[in-house]
Amino acid sequence: MRKALLIGAVAISLASLAACEFSTGSNEDQREERAEADDEKREQAESREFVNSRDNARSDSLREHYVDFRFDYPEVWTITPQPNDGTAQNYVRIASPLIDGYESYAFHVGSAYGTGDGDADRAQFELLLPQVSAQFGANFNDYRVTSSGAQRLGEHDTLGWRFEANGPGIGDSAPVDIHGRGDILLPPGATRGVLIVTLATSRQGEVTSADELGNSGVIADIFDSFRLD
């Protein structure tokens, strides 16, 4: 029997959260960032729906293991363009506006796949989880896993990990704390699912630890709306 494997959003770097061009940003740049953040708070209740399509599968792996899914996200957030050179690891990445050089939140959906044997797949994922979380953490400063195992993402049972990390200040801004979690969502008996990685930085005020990520606020709303078709 083919072993269950997973691929997806495991090559996310600290740089993907930060706008490096802001390293010498002016005061006006930072005022614009704060204005965007204020707009985000005011428009948080307004959302739009992301519906996956095969146009978003921009690598061989994503095409081979394509799966339909959908979720709602704040209208003020933006979708990060994925590369067209065959190296894409996510179907989609969305993020909130910058505040002092860093995004407050980022949400990535890549792919996960298995054999269709629910028990065997879960056992294999449990074995792979330390390797995946370690590979992911190589891209962050002071990365540390805080928990690992069964999790809940909206109405879905998942297997994953939570972690803390940090990053340097951009320009005159303070360093940033990063709270994150990864979730493997592969329904029992299914051969295709998703790997979701969610990040929150200390530029926002809702989440103060990885353990809180997804329990309330905007991320909880995204999780509650997530549907795997």
Protein backbone atom coordinates (compact mmCIF):
# COMPACT_ATOMS: atom_id res chain seq x y z
CA MET A 1 0.00 0.00 0.00
CA ARG A 2 1.25 3.45 -0.89
CA LYS A 3 2.29 5.43 2.16
CA ALA A 4 0.37 8.57 2.98
CA LEU A 5 2.34 11.69 2.20
CA LEU A 6 1.69 15.36 2.58
CA ILE A 7 2.89 18.42 0.77
CA GLY A 8 1.84 22.03 0.83
CA ALA A 9 2.51 25.23 2.70
CA VAL A 10 5.75 24.19 4.40
CA ALA A 11 8.14 26.63 2.76
CA ILE A 12 6.73 29.84 4.23
CA SER A 13 9.47 32.19 5.33
CA LEU A 14 9.63 35.09 7.71
CA ALA A 15 10.05 37.32 4.68
CA SER A 16 6.57 36.33 3.48
CA LEU A 17 5.12 38.15 6.48
CA ALA A 18 7.24 41.27 6.16
CA ALA A 19 7.60 44.00 3.61
CA CYS A 20 11.36 44.21 3.32
CA GLU A 21 11.11 47.38 1.27
CA PHE A 22 9.84 49.07 4.44
CA SER A 23 13.19 48.65 6.15
CA THR A 24 13.84 52.34 5.62
CA GLY A 25 10.19 53.37 5.54
CA SER A 26 9.18 56.95 6.24
CA ASN A 27 6.77 58.17 8.89
CA GLU A 28 4.20 58.69 6.15
CA ASP A 29 4.57 55.04 5.13
CA GLN A 30 3.79 53.99 8.70
CA ARG A 31 0.82 56.37 8.90
CA GLU A 32 -0.59 54.78 5.75
CA GLU A 33 -0.10 51.32 7.27
CA ARG A 34 -1.97 52.33 10.42
CA ALA A 35 -4.78 53.85 8.34
CA GLU A 36 -5.10 50.56 6.48
CA ALA A 37 -5.23 48.72 9.80
CA ASP A 38 -8.01 51.04 10.98
CA ASP A 39 -9.89 50.34 7.76
CA GLU A 40 -9.47 46.62 8.41
CA LYS A 41 -11.09 46.91 11.83
CA ARG A 42 -14.00 48.91 10.44
CA GLU A 43 -14.55 46.52 7.53
CA GLN A 44 -13.97 43.29 9.45
CA ALA A 45 -17.64 42.38 9.19
CA GLU A 46 -17.56 42.68 5.38
CA SER A 47 -16.28 39.52 3.75
CA ARG A 48 -15.86 37.85 0.42
CA GLU A 49 -15.67 34.19 -0.52
CA PHE A 50 -12.66 32.41 -1.93
CA VAL A 51 -13.56 29.36 -4.04
CA ASN A 52 -10.67 27.19 -5.16
CA SER A 53 -10.31 26.34 -8.84
CA ARG A 54 -7.84 24.43 -10.96
CA ASP A 55 -6.40 27.75 -12.10
CA ASN A 56 -4.89 27.99 -8.60
CA ALA A 57 -3.03 24.67 -8.96
CA ARG A 58 0.23 26.09 -10.28
CA SER A 59 2.55 23.15 -9.73
CA ASP A 60 2.50 19.48 -10.65
CA SER A 61 1.81 18.44 -7.05
CA LEU A 62 -1.11 20.85 -6.64
CA ARG A 63 -2.62 19.71 -9.94
CA GLU A 64 -2.20 16.02 -9.13
CA HIS A 65 -3.87 16.33 -5.72
CA TYR A 66 -6.32 19.11 -6.52
CA VAL A 67 -9.28 19.49 -4.18
CA ASP A 68 -12.22 21.90 -4.07
CA PHE A 69 -12.64 24.09 -1.00
CA ARG A 70 -14.04 27.48 -0.06
CA PHE A 71 -13.94 29.95 2.80
CA ASP A 72 -14.85 33.54 3.67
CA TYR A 73 -12.26 36.18 4.52
CA PRO A 74 -12.31 39.92 5.34
CA GLU A 75 -12.82 42.03 2.25
CA VAL A 76 -9.89 44.28 3.14
CA TRP A 77 -7.45 41.34 3.06
CA THR A 78 -5.62 40.58 -0.18
CA ILE A 79 -4.68 37.43 -2.08
CA THR A 80 -0.95 37.04 -2.67
CA PRO A 81 -0.21 36.13 -6.32
CA GLN A 82 1.23 32.62 -6.61
CA PRO A 83 4.27 31.92 -8.83
CA ASN A 84 3.63 30.69 -12.35
CA ASP A 85 6.92 28.83 -12.77
CA GLY A 86 5.72 25.50 -11.37
CA THR A 87 7.07 26.07 -7.84
CA ALA A 88 3.80 27.08 -6.13
CA GLN A 89 3.20 25.31 -2.84
CA ASN A 90 -0.14 26.90 -1.96
CA TYR A 91 -3.47 27.08 -3.73
CA VAL A 92 -3.98 30.40 -2.02
CA ARG A 93 -2.37 32.80 0.43
CA ILE A 94 -4.37 35.68 1.89
CA ALA A 95 -3.14 38.28 4.34
CA SER A 96 -4.21 41.39 6.22
CA PRO A 97 -2.68 44.83 5.52
CA LEU A 98 0.77 45.71 6.80
CA ILE A 99 1.28 47.37 10.17
CA ASP A 100 4.82 48.62 10.89
CA GLY A 101 6.22 46.41 8.15
CA TYR A 102 4.44 43.15 9.04
CA GLU A 103 1.11 41.60 8.22
CA SER A 104 -1.11 40.99 11.22
CA TYR A 105 -2.43 37.72 9.82
CA ALA A 106 -1.64 35.35 6.96
CA PHE A 107 -3.61 32.27 5.91
CA HIS A 108 -2.20 29.63 3.53
CA VAL A 109 -3.86 26.58 2.00
CA GLY A 110 -1.71 23.90 0.37
CA SER A 111 -2.45 20.24 -0.27
CA ALA A 112 -2.38 17.03 1.73
CA TYR A 113 -3.11 13.56 0.45
CA GLY A 114 -3.37 9.98 1.65
CA THR A 115 -4.30 6.45 0.65
CA GLY A 116 -7.98 6.51 1.57
CA ASP A 117 -7.37 4.23 4.55
CA GLY A 118 -8.28 6.62 7.37
CA ASP A 119 -6.51 4.77 10.20
CA ALA A 120 -3.34 4.15 8.19
CA ASP A 121 -3.22 7.70 6.92
CA ARG A 122 -3.60 9.17 10.39
CA ALA A 123 -0.84 6.93 11.75
CA GLN A 124 1.46 7.98 8.91
CA PHE A 125 0.68 11.66 9.38
CA GLU A 126 1.47 11.37 13.08
CA LEU A 127 4.88 9.97 12.16
CA LEU A 128 5.48 12.72 9.59
CA LEU A 129 4.31 15.60 11.75
CA PRO A 130 7.62 16.22 13.59
CA GLN A 131 9.47 16.25 10.26
CA VAL A 132 7.00 18.66 8.66
CA SER A 133 6.95 21.03 11.64
CA ALA A 134 10.76 21.01 11.83
CA GLN A 135 11.08 21.72 8.09
CA PHE A 136 8.62 24.56 8.44
CA GLY A 137 10.44 26.03 11.44
CA ALA A 138 13.75 26.27 9.61
CA ASN A 139 12.49 29.49 8.04
CA PHE A 140 11.83 31.36 11.30
CA ASN A 141 13.78 32.94 14.15
CA ASP A 142 13.58 31.26 17.57
CA TYR A 143 11.03 28.75 16.30
CA ARG A 144 9.56 26.43 18.93
CA VAL A 145 6.65 23.96 18.75
CA THR A 146 4.26 24.42 21.68
CA SER A 147 1.87 21.53 20.99
CA SER A 148 1.23 18.75 18.49
CA GLY A 149 -1.63 16.35 17.81
CA ALA A 150 -5.40 16.48 17.37
CA GLN A 151 -6.88 19.92 16.72
CA ARG A 152 -10.15 21.48 15.62
CA LEU A 153 -10.58 23.89 12.70
CA GLY A 154 -14.16 25.12 12.52
CA GLU A 155 -16.30 22.05 12.02
CA HIS A 156 -13.34 19.88 11.01
CA ASP A 157 -11.13 17.55 13.05
CA THR A 158 -7.50 18.03 12.06
CA LEU A 159 -4.03 16.86 13.00
CA GLY A 160 -1.39 19.52 13.43
CA TRP A 161 0.95 21.61 15.51
CA ARG A 162 1.22 25.06 17.07
CA PHE A 163 4.33 27.17 17.34
CA GLU A 164 5.90 30.46 18.40
CA ALA A 165 8.64 32.44 16.66
CA ASN A 166 9.80 36.03 16.30
CA GLY A 167 11.18 38.49 13.79
CA PRO A 168 13.26 41.68 13.78
CA GLY A 169 11.76 45.15 13.67
CA ILE A 170 11.40 46.85 10.30
CA GLY A 171 12.95 50.30 10.29
CA ASP A 172 12.09 52.01 13.58
CA SER A 173 9.36 49.54 14.51
CA ALA A 174 9.54 47.02 17.34
CA PRO A 175 10.41 43.33 16.84
CA VAL A 176 7.47 41.06 16.15
CA ASP A 177 6.18 37.93 17.87
CA ILE A 178 4.72 35.27 15.58
CA HIS A 179 2.03 32.82 16.66
CA GLY A 180 1.17 30.02 14.26
CA ARG A 181 -0.51 26.71 13.68
CA GLY A 182 -0.56 24.06 10.97
CA ASP A 183 -3.59 21.85 10.31
CA ILE A 184 -3.77 18.72 8.16
CA LEU A 185 -7.38 18.31 7.05
CA LEU A 186 -7.94 14.93 5.40
CA PRO A 187 -11.38 13.44 6.09
CA PRO A 188 -11.34 9.70 6.96
CA GLY A 189 -11.49 7.67 3.76
CA ALA A 190 -10.56 10.62 1.54
CA THR A 191 -7.44 10.62 -0.61
CA ARG A 192 -7.21 14.41 -0.99
CA GLY A 193 -7.28 17.17 1.59
CA VAL A 194 -5.47 20.35 2.54
CA LEU A 195 -2.65 21.58 4.71
CA ILE A 196 -3.58 24.93 6.27
CA VAL A 197 -1.00 27.18 7.91
CA THR A 198 -2.24 30.21 9.85
CA LEU A 199 0.00 32.96 11.22
CA ALA A 200 -0.68 35.92 13.51
CA THR A 201 1.89 38.52 14.48
CA SER A 202 1.96 40.84 17.45
CA ARG A 203 0.93 43.67 15.10
CA GLN A 204 -2.66 42.61 15.87
CA GLY A 205 -4.35 42.70 19.27
CA GLU A 206 -6.57 39.60 19.33
CA VAL A 207 -4.09 36.73 19.67
CA THR A 208 -1.30 36.60 22.25
CA SER A 209 -0.23 32.95 21.87
CA ALA A 210 -0.40 30.07 19.42
CA ASP A 211 -2.82 28.28 21.76
CA GLU A 212 -5.37 31.07 21.20
CA LEU A 213 -5.10 31.12 17.41
CA GLY A 214 -8.45 30.20 15.90
CA ASN A 215 -10.41 30.26 19.15
CA SER A 216 -12.08 33.62 18.49
CA GLY A 217 -11.95 36.70 16.28
CA VAL A 218 -11.29 36.91 12.57
CA ILE A 219 -9.37 33.61 12.29
CA ALA A 220 -12.19 31.74 14.04
CA ASP A 221 -14.59 33.25 11.49
CA ILE A 222 -12.43 32.00 8.61
CA PHE A 223 -12.16 28.55 10.20
CA ASP A 224 -15.93 28.36 10.75
CA SER A 225 -16.57 29.18 7.09
CA PHE A 226 -14.04 26.68 5.70
CA ARG A 227 -15.63 23.92 3.61
CA LEU A 228 -13.79 21.06 1.92
CA ASP A 229 -15.92 19.87 -1.02
